[in-house]
Amino acid sequence: MTAALTGRPRLRLPATAQAGEVVEIRTLVDHPMETGLRKGDDGQPVPRDMLARLIVRANGAVVFAAEFRNATSANPYLVFFLTIERTTELAFTWLHEDGRSLTAAACIVVA
């Protein structure tokens, strides 16, 4: 069994929306995103520690996915837009290169 990924995911999205409304969703996760190319104070390479992907599902269907590469900054921040037709359960999953994952969830209620 793979250990859970540590870090604090942060989500900013509206709690409610009108049917057909386009909403902005902001995500940020605390993660160092070390490429393994940088040297530490001791002159030794800092071990690679990279997230590989973010997958966002709305009511079970993938609505957004992002691949992370060496140029991704620490604490990746992403913004995307989603059209809300009905009350939507969102599941956010950040996947690490070594198989660990971190999840967060939110709900947008159609008023």
N, C-alpha and C. Protein backbone atom coordinates (compact mmCIF):
# COMPACT_ATOMS: atom_id res chain seq x y z
N MET A 1 0.84 -1.19 0.00
CA MET A 1 0.00 0.00 0.00
C MET A 1 0.88 1.25 0.00
N THR A 2 0.55 2.21 -0.83
CA THR A 2 1.32 3.44 -0.95
C THR A 2 0.85 4.45 0.09
N ALA A 3 1.81 5.14 0.71
CA ALA A 3 1.48 6.15 1.71
C ALA A 3 0.77 7.32 1.06
N ALA A 4 -0.04 8.00 1.85
CA ALA A 4 -0.77 9.17 1.34
C ALA A 4 0.21 10.32 1.10
N LEU A 5 -0.10 11.14 0.16
CA LEU A 5 0.67 12.33 -0.16
C LEU A 5 0.32 13.40 0.86
N THR A 6 1.32 14.08 1.38
CA THR A 6 1.04 15.16 2.32
C THR A 6 1.02 16.48 1.57
N GLY A 7 0.35 17.43 2.13
CA GLY A 7 0.19 18.74 1.51
C GLY A 7 -1.20 19.24 1.81
N ARG A 8 -1.41 20.49 1.60
CA ARG A 8 -2.72 21.06 1.89
C ARG A 8 -3.34 21.59 0.61
N PRO A 9 -4.38 20.91 0.12
CA PRO A 9 -5.07 21.44 -1.05
C PRO A 9 -6.00 22.58 -0.66
N ARG A 10 -6.06 23.58 -1.52
CA ARG A 10 -6.99 24.70 -1.30
C ARG A 10 -7.83 24.87 -2.55
N LEU A 11 -9.11 25.04 -2.33
CA LEU A 11 -10.07 25.20 -3.43
C LEU A 11 -10.82 26.50 -3.23
N ARG A 12 -11.07 27.19 -4.32
CA ARG A 12 -11.92 28.38 -4.26
C ARG A 12 -12.92 28.26 -5.40
N LEU A 13 -14.18 28.11 -5.04
CA LEU A 13 -15.25 27.97 -6.01
C LEU A 13 -16.54 28.39 -5.33
N PRO A 14 -17.55 28.75 -6.11
CA PRO A 14 -18.80 29.18 -5.48
C PRO A 14 -19.54 28.00 -4.85
N ALA A 15 -20.27 28.27 -3.78
CA ALA A 15 -21.08 27.23 -3.14
C ALA A 15 -22.37 26.99 -3.91
N THR A 16 -22.84 28.03 -4.62
CA THR A 16 -24.08 27.91 -5.40
C THR A 16 -23.88 28.52 -6.78
N ALA A 17 -24.74 28.08 -7.71
CA ALA A 17 -24.72 28.62 -9.07
C ALA A 17 -26.10 28.43 -9.68
N GLN A 18 -26.38 29.17 -10.72
CA GLN A 18 -27.61 28.99 -11.49
C GLN A 18 -27.35 27.92 -12.55
N ALA A 19 -28.38 27.19 -12.94
CA ALA A 19 -28.24 26.20 -14.01
C ALA A 19 -27.74 26.89 -15.27
N GLY A 20 -26.71 26.35 -15.89
CA GLY A 20 -26.12 26.92 -17.10
C GLY A 20 -25.04 27.96 -16.84
N GLU A 21 -24.80 28.30 -15.59
CA GLU A 21 -23.79 29.30 -15.26
C GLU A 21 -22.38 28.73 -15.41
N VAL A 22 -21.47 29.57 -15.90
CA VAL A 22 -20.06 29.20 -15.98
C VAL A 22 -19.39 29.73 -14.72
N VAL A 23 -18.74 28.83 -13.98
CA VAL A 23 -18.10 29.22 -12.72
C VAL A 23 -16.59 29.06 -12.82
N GLU A 24 -15.89 29.88 -12.06
CA GLU A 24 -14.43 29.81 -11.99
C GLU A 24 -14.04 28.93 -10.81
N ILE A 25 -13.11 28.01 -11.05
CA ILE A 25 -12.62 27.12 -10.01
C ILE A 25 -11.12 27.31 -9.90
N ARG A 26 -10.65 27.59 -8.70
CA ARG A 26 -9.23 27.82 -8.44
C ARG A 26 -8.73 26.72 -7.50
N THR A 27 -7.56 26.17 -7.82
CA THR A 27 -6.95 25.15 -6.98
C THR A 27 -5.50 25.52 -6.69
N LEU A 28 -5.05 25.18 -5.51
CA LEU A 28 -3.66 25.34 -5.13
C LEU A 28 -3.33 24.21 -4.16
N VAL A 29 -2.18 23.60 -4.33
CA VAL A 29 -1.76 22.55 -3.40
C VAL A 29 -0.34 22.86 -2.94
N ASP A 30 -0.10 22.71 -1.64
CA ASP A 30 1.23 22.92 -1.09
C ASP A 30 2.10 21.72 -1.46
N HIS A 31 3.12 21.96 -2.29
CA HIS A 31 4.04 20.89 -2.68
C HIS A 31 5.32 21.53 -3.22
N PRO A 32 6.50 20.99 -2.85
CA PRO A 32 7.76 21.64 -3.25
C PRO A 32 8.11 21.50 -4.74
N MET A 33 7.61 20.48 -5.43
CA MET A 33 7.89 20.26 -6.85
C MET A 33 9.39 20.31 -7.14
N GLU A 34 10.16 19.48 -6.47
CA GLU A 34 11.61 19.39 -6.68
C GLU A 34 11.90 18.51 -7.89
N THR A 35 12.70 19.03 -8.82
CA THR A 35 13.00 18.31 -10.06
C THR A 35 14.14 17.31 -9.92
N GLY A 36 14.92 17.43 -8.85
CA GLY A 36 16.09 16.58 -8.70
C GLY A 36 17.32 17.18 -9.38
N LEU A 37 17.16 18.33 -10.00
CA LEU A 37 18.27 18.99 -10.71
C LEU A 37 18.98 20.03 -9.85
N ARG A 38 18.32 20.49 -8.80
CA ARG A 38 18.89 21.54 -7.94
C ARG A 38 19.77 20.91 -6.88
N LYS A 39 20.80 21.64 -6.45
CA LYS A 39 21.67 21.16 -5.37
C LYS A 39 21.32 21.89 -4.08
N GLY A 40 21.37 21.16 -2.98
CA GLY A 40 21.10 21.74 -1.67
C GLY A 40 22.31 22.48 -1.14
N ASP A 41 22.19 22.99 0.09
CA ASP A 41 23.29 23.74 0.72
C ASP A 41 24.54 22.88 0.88
N ASP A 42 24.36 21.56 0.98
CA ASP A 42 25.50 20.66 1.15
C ASP A 42 26.15 20.26 -0.19
N GLY A 43 25.63 20.80 -1.31
CA GLY A 43 26.18 20.50 -2.62
C GLY A 43 25.63 19.23 -3.25
N GLN A 44 24.80 18.50 -2.52
CA GLN A 44 24.21 17.27 -3.03
C GLN A 44 22.88 17.57 -3.71
N PRO A 45 22.53 16.78 -4.74
CA PRO A 45 21.24 17.00 -5.41
C PRO A 45 20.07 16.83 -4.44
N VAL A 46 19.09 17.72 -4.54
CA VAL A 46 17.87 17.59 -3.75
C VAL A 46 17.04 16.50 -4.41
N PRO A 47 16.57 15.49 -3.66
CA PRO A 47 15.83 14.39 -4.27
C PRO A 47 14.59 14.86 -5.03
N ARG A 48 14.32 14.20 -6.16
CA ARG A 48 13.15 14.51 -6.98
C ARG A 48 11.89 14.25 -6.16
N ASP A 49 10.95 15.20 -6.24
CA ASP A 49 9.68 15.11 -5.51
C ASP A 49 8.66 15.91 -6.33
N MET A 50 8.02 15.24 -7.29
CA MET A 50 7.15 15.93 -8.25
C MET A 50 5.75 15.33 -8.30
N LEU A 51 4.76 16.22 -8.34
CA LEU A 51 3.42 15.79 -8.68
C LEU A 51 3.40 15.51 -10.18
N ALA A 52 2.59 14.55 -10.60
CA ALA A 52 2.53 14.21 -12.02
C ALA A 52 1.27 14.74 -12.68
N ARG A 53 0.17 14.81 -11.91
CA ARG A 53 -1.10 15.11 -12.57
C ARG A 53 -2.15 15.59 -11.58
N LEU A 54 -3.07 16.40 -12.07
CA LEU A 54 -4.30 16.76 -11.34
C LEU A 54 -5.47 16.29 -12.20
N ILE A 55 -6.39 15.59 -11.58
CA ILE A 55 -7.61 15.14 -12.26
C ILE A 55 -8.79 15.67 -11.46
N VAL A 56 -9.73 16.31 -12.15
CA VAL A 56 -10.94 16.83 -11.51
C VAL A 56 -12.14 16.11 -12.12
N ARG A 57 -12.97 15.56 -11.26
CA ARG A 57 -14.19 14.87 -11.71
C ARG A 57 -15.40 15.63 -11.18
N ALA A 58 -16.42 15.75 -12.04
CA ALA A 58 -17.70 16.34 -11.65
C ALA A 58 -18.74 15.25 -11.77
N ASN A 59 -19.35 14.90 -10.65
CA ASN A 59 -20.33 13.81 -10.60
C ASN A 59 -19.77 12.55 -11.26
N GLY A 60 -18.48 12.28 -11.06
CA GLY A 60 -17.84 11.07 -11.56
C GLY A 60 -17.17 11.18 -12.91
N ALA A 61 -17.49 12.18 -13.71
CA ALA A 61 -16.91 12.33 -15.05
C ALA A 61 -15.72 13.29 -15.01
N VAL A 62 -14.64 12.96 -15.68
CA VAL A 62 -13.47 13.83 -15.73
C VAL A 62 -13.83 15.09 -16.52
N VAL A 63 -13.63 16.25 -15.88
CA VAL A 63 -13.94 17.54 -16.54
C VAL A 63 -12.69 18.40 -16.72
N PHE A 64 -11.60 18.03 -16.04
CA PHE A 64 -10.35 18.78 -16.18
C PHE A 64 -9.22 17.86 -15.77
N ALA A 65 -8.11 17.93 -16.52
CA ALA A 65 -6.90 17.20 -16.16
C ALA A 65 -5.69 18.02 -16.58
N ALA A 66 -4.66 18.00 -15.77
CA ALA A 66 -3.43 18.73 -16.07
C ALA A 66 -2.24 17.83 -15.77
N GLU A 67 -1.27 17.85 -16.68
CA GLU A 67 -0.01 17.13 -16.49
C GLU A 67 1.03 18.13 -15.98
N PHE A 68 1.79 17.73 -14.97
CA PHE A 68 2.86 18.58 -14.44
C PHE A 68 4.20 18.10 -14.97
N ARG A 69 5.09 19.03 -15.28
CA ARG A 69 6.42 18.73 -15.80
C ARG A 69 7.46 19.46 -14.95
N ASN A 70 8.73 19.32 -15.35
CA ASN A 70 9.83 19.93 -14.59
C ASN A 70 9.68 21.43 -14.39
N ALA A 71 9.05 22.13 -15.31
CA ALA A 71 8.93 23.59 -15.21
C ALA A 71 7.77 24.04 -14.33
N THR A 72 7.01 23.11 -13.77
CA THR A 72 5.89 23.48 -12.89
C THR A 72 6.43 24.04 -11.59
N SER A 73 5.92 25.18 -11.17
CA SER A 73 6.42 25.83 -9.96
C SER A 73 5.98 25.08 -8.70
N ALA A 74 6.64 25.39 -7.62
CA ALA A 74 6.23 24.86 -6.32
C ALA A 74 4.81 25.36 -6.03
N ASN A 75 4.06 24.59 -5.28
CA ASN A 75 2.68 24.94 -4.91
C ASN A 75 1.83 25.25 -6.14
N PRO A 76 1.64 24.26 -7.02
CA PRO A 76 0.91 24.51 -8.27
C PRO A 76 -0.47 25.13 -8.06
N TYR A 77 -0.71 26.19 -8.81
CA TYR A 77 -1.97 26.94 -8.77
C TYR A 77 -2.59 26.88 -10.15
N LEU A 78 -3.82 26.39 -10.22
CA LEU A 78 -4.53 26.27 -11.50
C LEU A 78 -5.91 26.88 -11.41
N VAL A 79 -6.35 27.47 -12.52
CA VAL A 79 -7.68 28.05 -12.63
C VAL A 79 -8.33 27.48 -13.88
N PHE A 80 -9.59 27.05 -13.75
CA PHE A 80 -10.34 26.61 -14.93
C PHE A 80 -11.81 26.99 -14.73
N PHE A 81 -12.57 26.88 -15.80
CA PHE A 81 -13.98 27.26 -15.79
C PHE A 81 -14.83 26.04 -16.12
N LEU A 82 -16.01 25.98 -15.50
CA LEU A 82 -16.89 24.84 -15.67
C LEU A 82 -18.33 25.33 -15.75
N THR A 83 -19.08 24.80 -16.71
CA THR A 83 -20.51 25.11 -16.81
C THR A 83 -21.26 24.17 -15.89
N ILE A 84 -22.08 24.74 -15.01
CA ILE A 84 -22.84 23.97 -14.03
C ILE A 84 -24.29 23.86 -14.50
N GLU A 85 -24.74 22.65 -14.73
CA GLU A 85 -26.12 22.41 -15.16
C GLU A 85 -27.01 21.94 -14.02
N ARG A 86 -26.40 21.25 -13.03
CA ARG A 86 -27.15 20.72 -11.89
C ARG A 86 -26.21 20.68 -10.70
N THR A 87 -26.73 20.39 -9.53
CA THR A 87 -25.87 20.28 -8.35
C THR A 87 -24.73 19.33 -8.68
N THR A 88 -23.49 19.77 -8.40
CA THR A 88 -22.31 19.06 -8.86
C THR A 88 -21.35 18.76 -7.71
N GLU A 89 -21.03 17.49 -7.57
CA GLU A 89 -20.01 17.05 -6.61
C GLU A 89 -18.68 17.01 -7.36
N LEU A 90 -17.71 17.76 -6.88
CA LEU A 90 -16.39 17.81 -7.51
C LEU A 90 -15.38 17.05 -6.66
N ALA A 91 -14.57 16.22 -7.32
CA ALA A 91 -13.50 15.47 -6.66
C ALA A 91 -12.18 15.84 -7.34
N PHE A 92 -11.23 16.30 -6.55
CA PHE A 92 -9.93 16.73 -7.03
C PHE A 92 -8.90 15.71 -6.56
N THR A 93 -8.08 15.20 -7.48
CA THR A 93 -7.05 14.23 -7.13
C THR A 93 -5.72 14.66 -7.73
N TRP A 94 -4.75 14.89 -6.86
CA TRP A 94 -3.38 15.18 -7.28
C TRP A 94 -2.61 13.87 -7.18
N LEU A 95 -1.94 13.48 -8.26
CA LEU A 95 -1.18 12.23 -8.29
C LEU A 95 0.31 12.54 -8.32
N HIS A 96 1.04 11.86 -7.46
CA HIS A 96 2.50 12.02 -7.40
C HIS A 96 3.13 11.01 -8.35
N GLU A 97 4.34 11.29 -8.79
CA GLU A 97 5.05 10.37 -9.69
C GLU A 97 5.24 8.98 -9.08
N ASP A 98 5.35 8.90 -7.76
CA ASP A 98 5.59 7.61 -7.12
C ASP A 98 4.31 6.85 -6.76
N GLY A 99 3.15 7.37 -7.17
CA GLY A 99 1.89 6.66 -6.94
C GLY A 99 1.06 7.19 -5.78
N ARG A 100 1.64 8.03 -4.94
CA ARG A 100 0.85 8.61 -3.85
C ARG A 100 -0.17 9.58 -4.43
N SER A 101 -1.21 9.87 -3.65
CA SER A 101 -2.23 10.82 -4.11
C SER A 101 -2.75 11.65 -2.95
N LEU A 102 -3.36 12.75 -3.31
CA LEU A 102 -3.99 13.67 -2.36
C LEU A 102 -5.33 14.06 -2.96
N THR A 103 -6.37 14.04 -2.15
CA THR A 103 -7.70 14.35 -2.67
C THR A 103 -8.36 15.46 -1.88
N ALA A 104 -9.30 16.11 -2.55
CA ALA A 104 -10.15 17.12 -1.91
C ALA A 104 -11.50 17.05 -2.63
N ALA A 105 -12.53 17.51 -1.96
CA ALA A 105 -13.88 17.48 -2.55
C ALA A 105 -14.61 18.78 -2.24
N ALA A 106 -15.56 19.10 -3.12
CA ALA A 106 -16.40 20.28 -2.94
C ALA A 106 -17.72 20.04 -3.68
N CYS A 107 -18.70 20.85 -3.36
CA CYS A 107 -20.01 20.72 -4.00
C CYS A 107 -20.51 22.12 -4.41
N ILE A 108 -21.06 22.20 -5.60
CA ILE A 108 -21.71 23.42 -6.05
C ILE A 108 -23.21 23.09 -6.20
N VAL A 109 -24.03 23.77 -5.44
CA VAL A 109 -25.47 23.53 -5.43
C VAL A 109 -26.14 24.45 -6.43
N VAL A 110 -26.99 23.89 -7.30
CA VAL A 110 -27.77 24.72 -8.23
C VAL A 110 -28.94 25.27 -7.45
N ALA A 111 -29.01 26.59 -7.40
CA ALA A 111 -30.06 27.26 -6.64
C ALA A 111 -31.27 27.55 -7.50
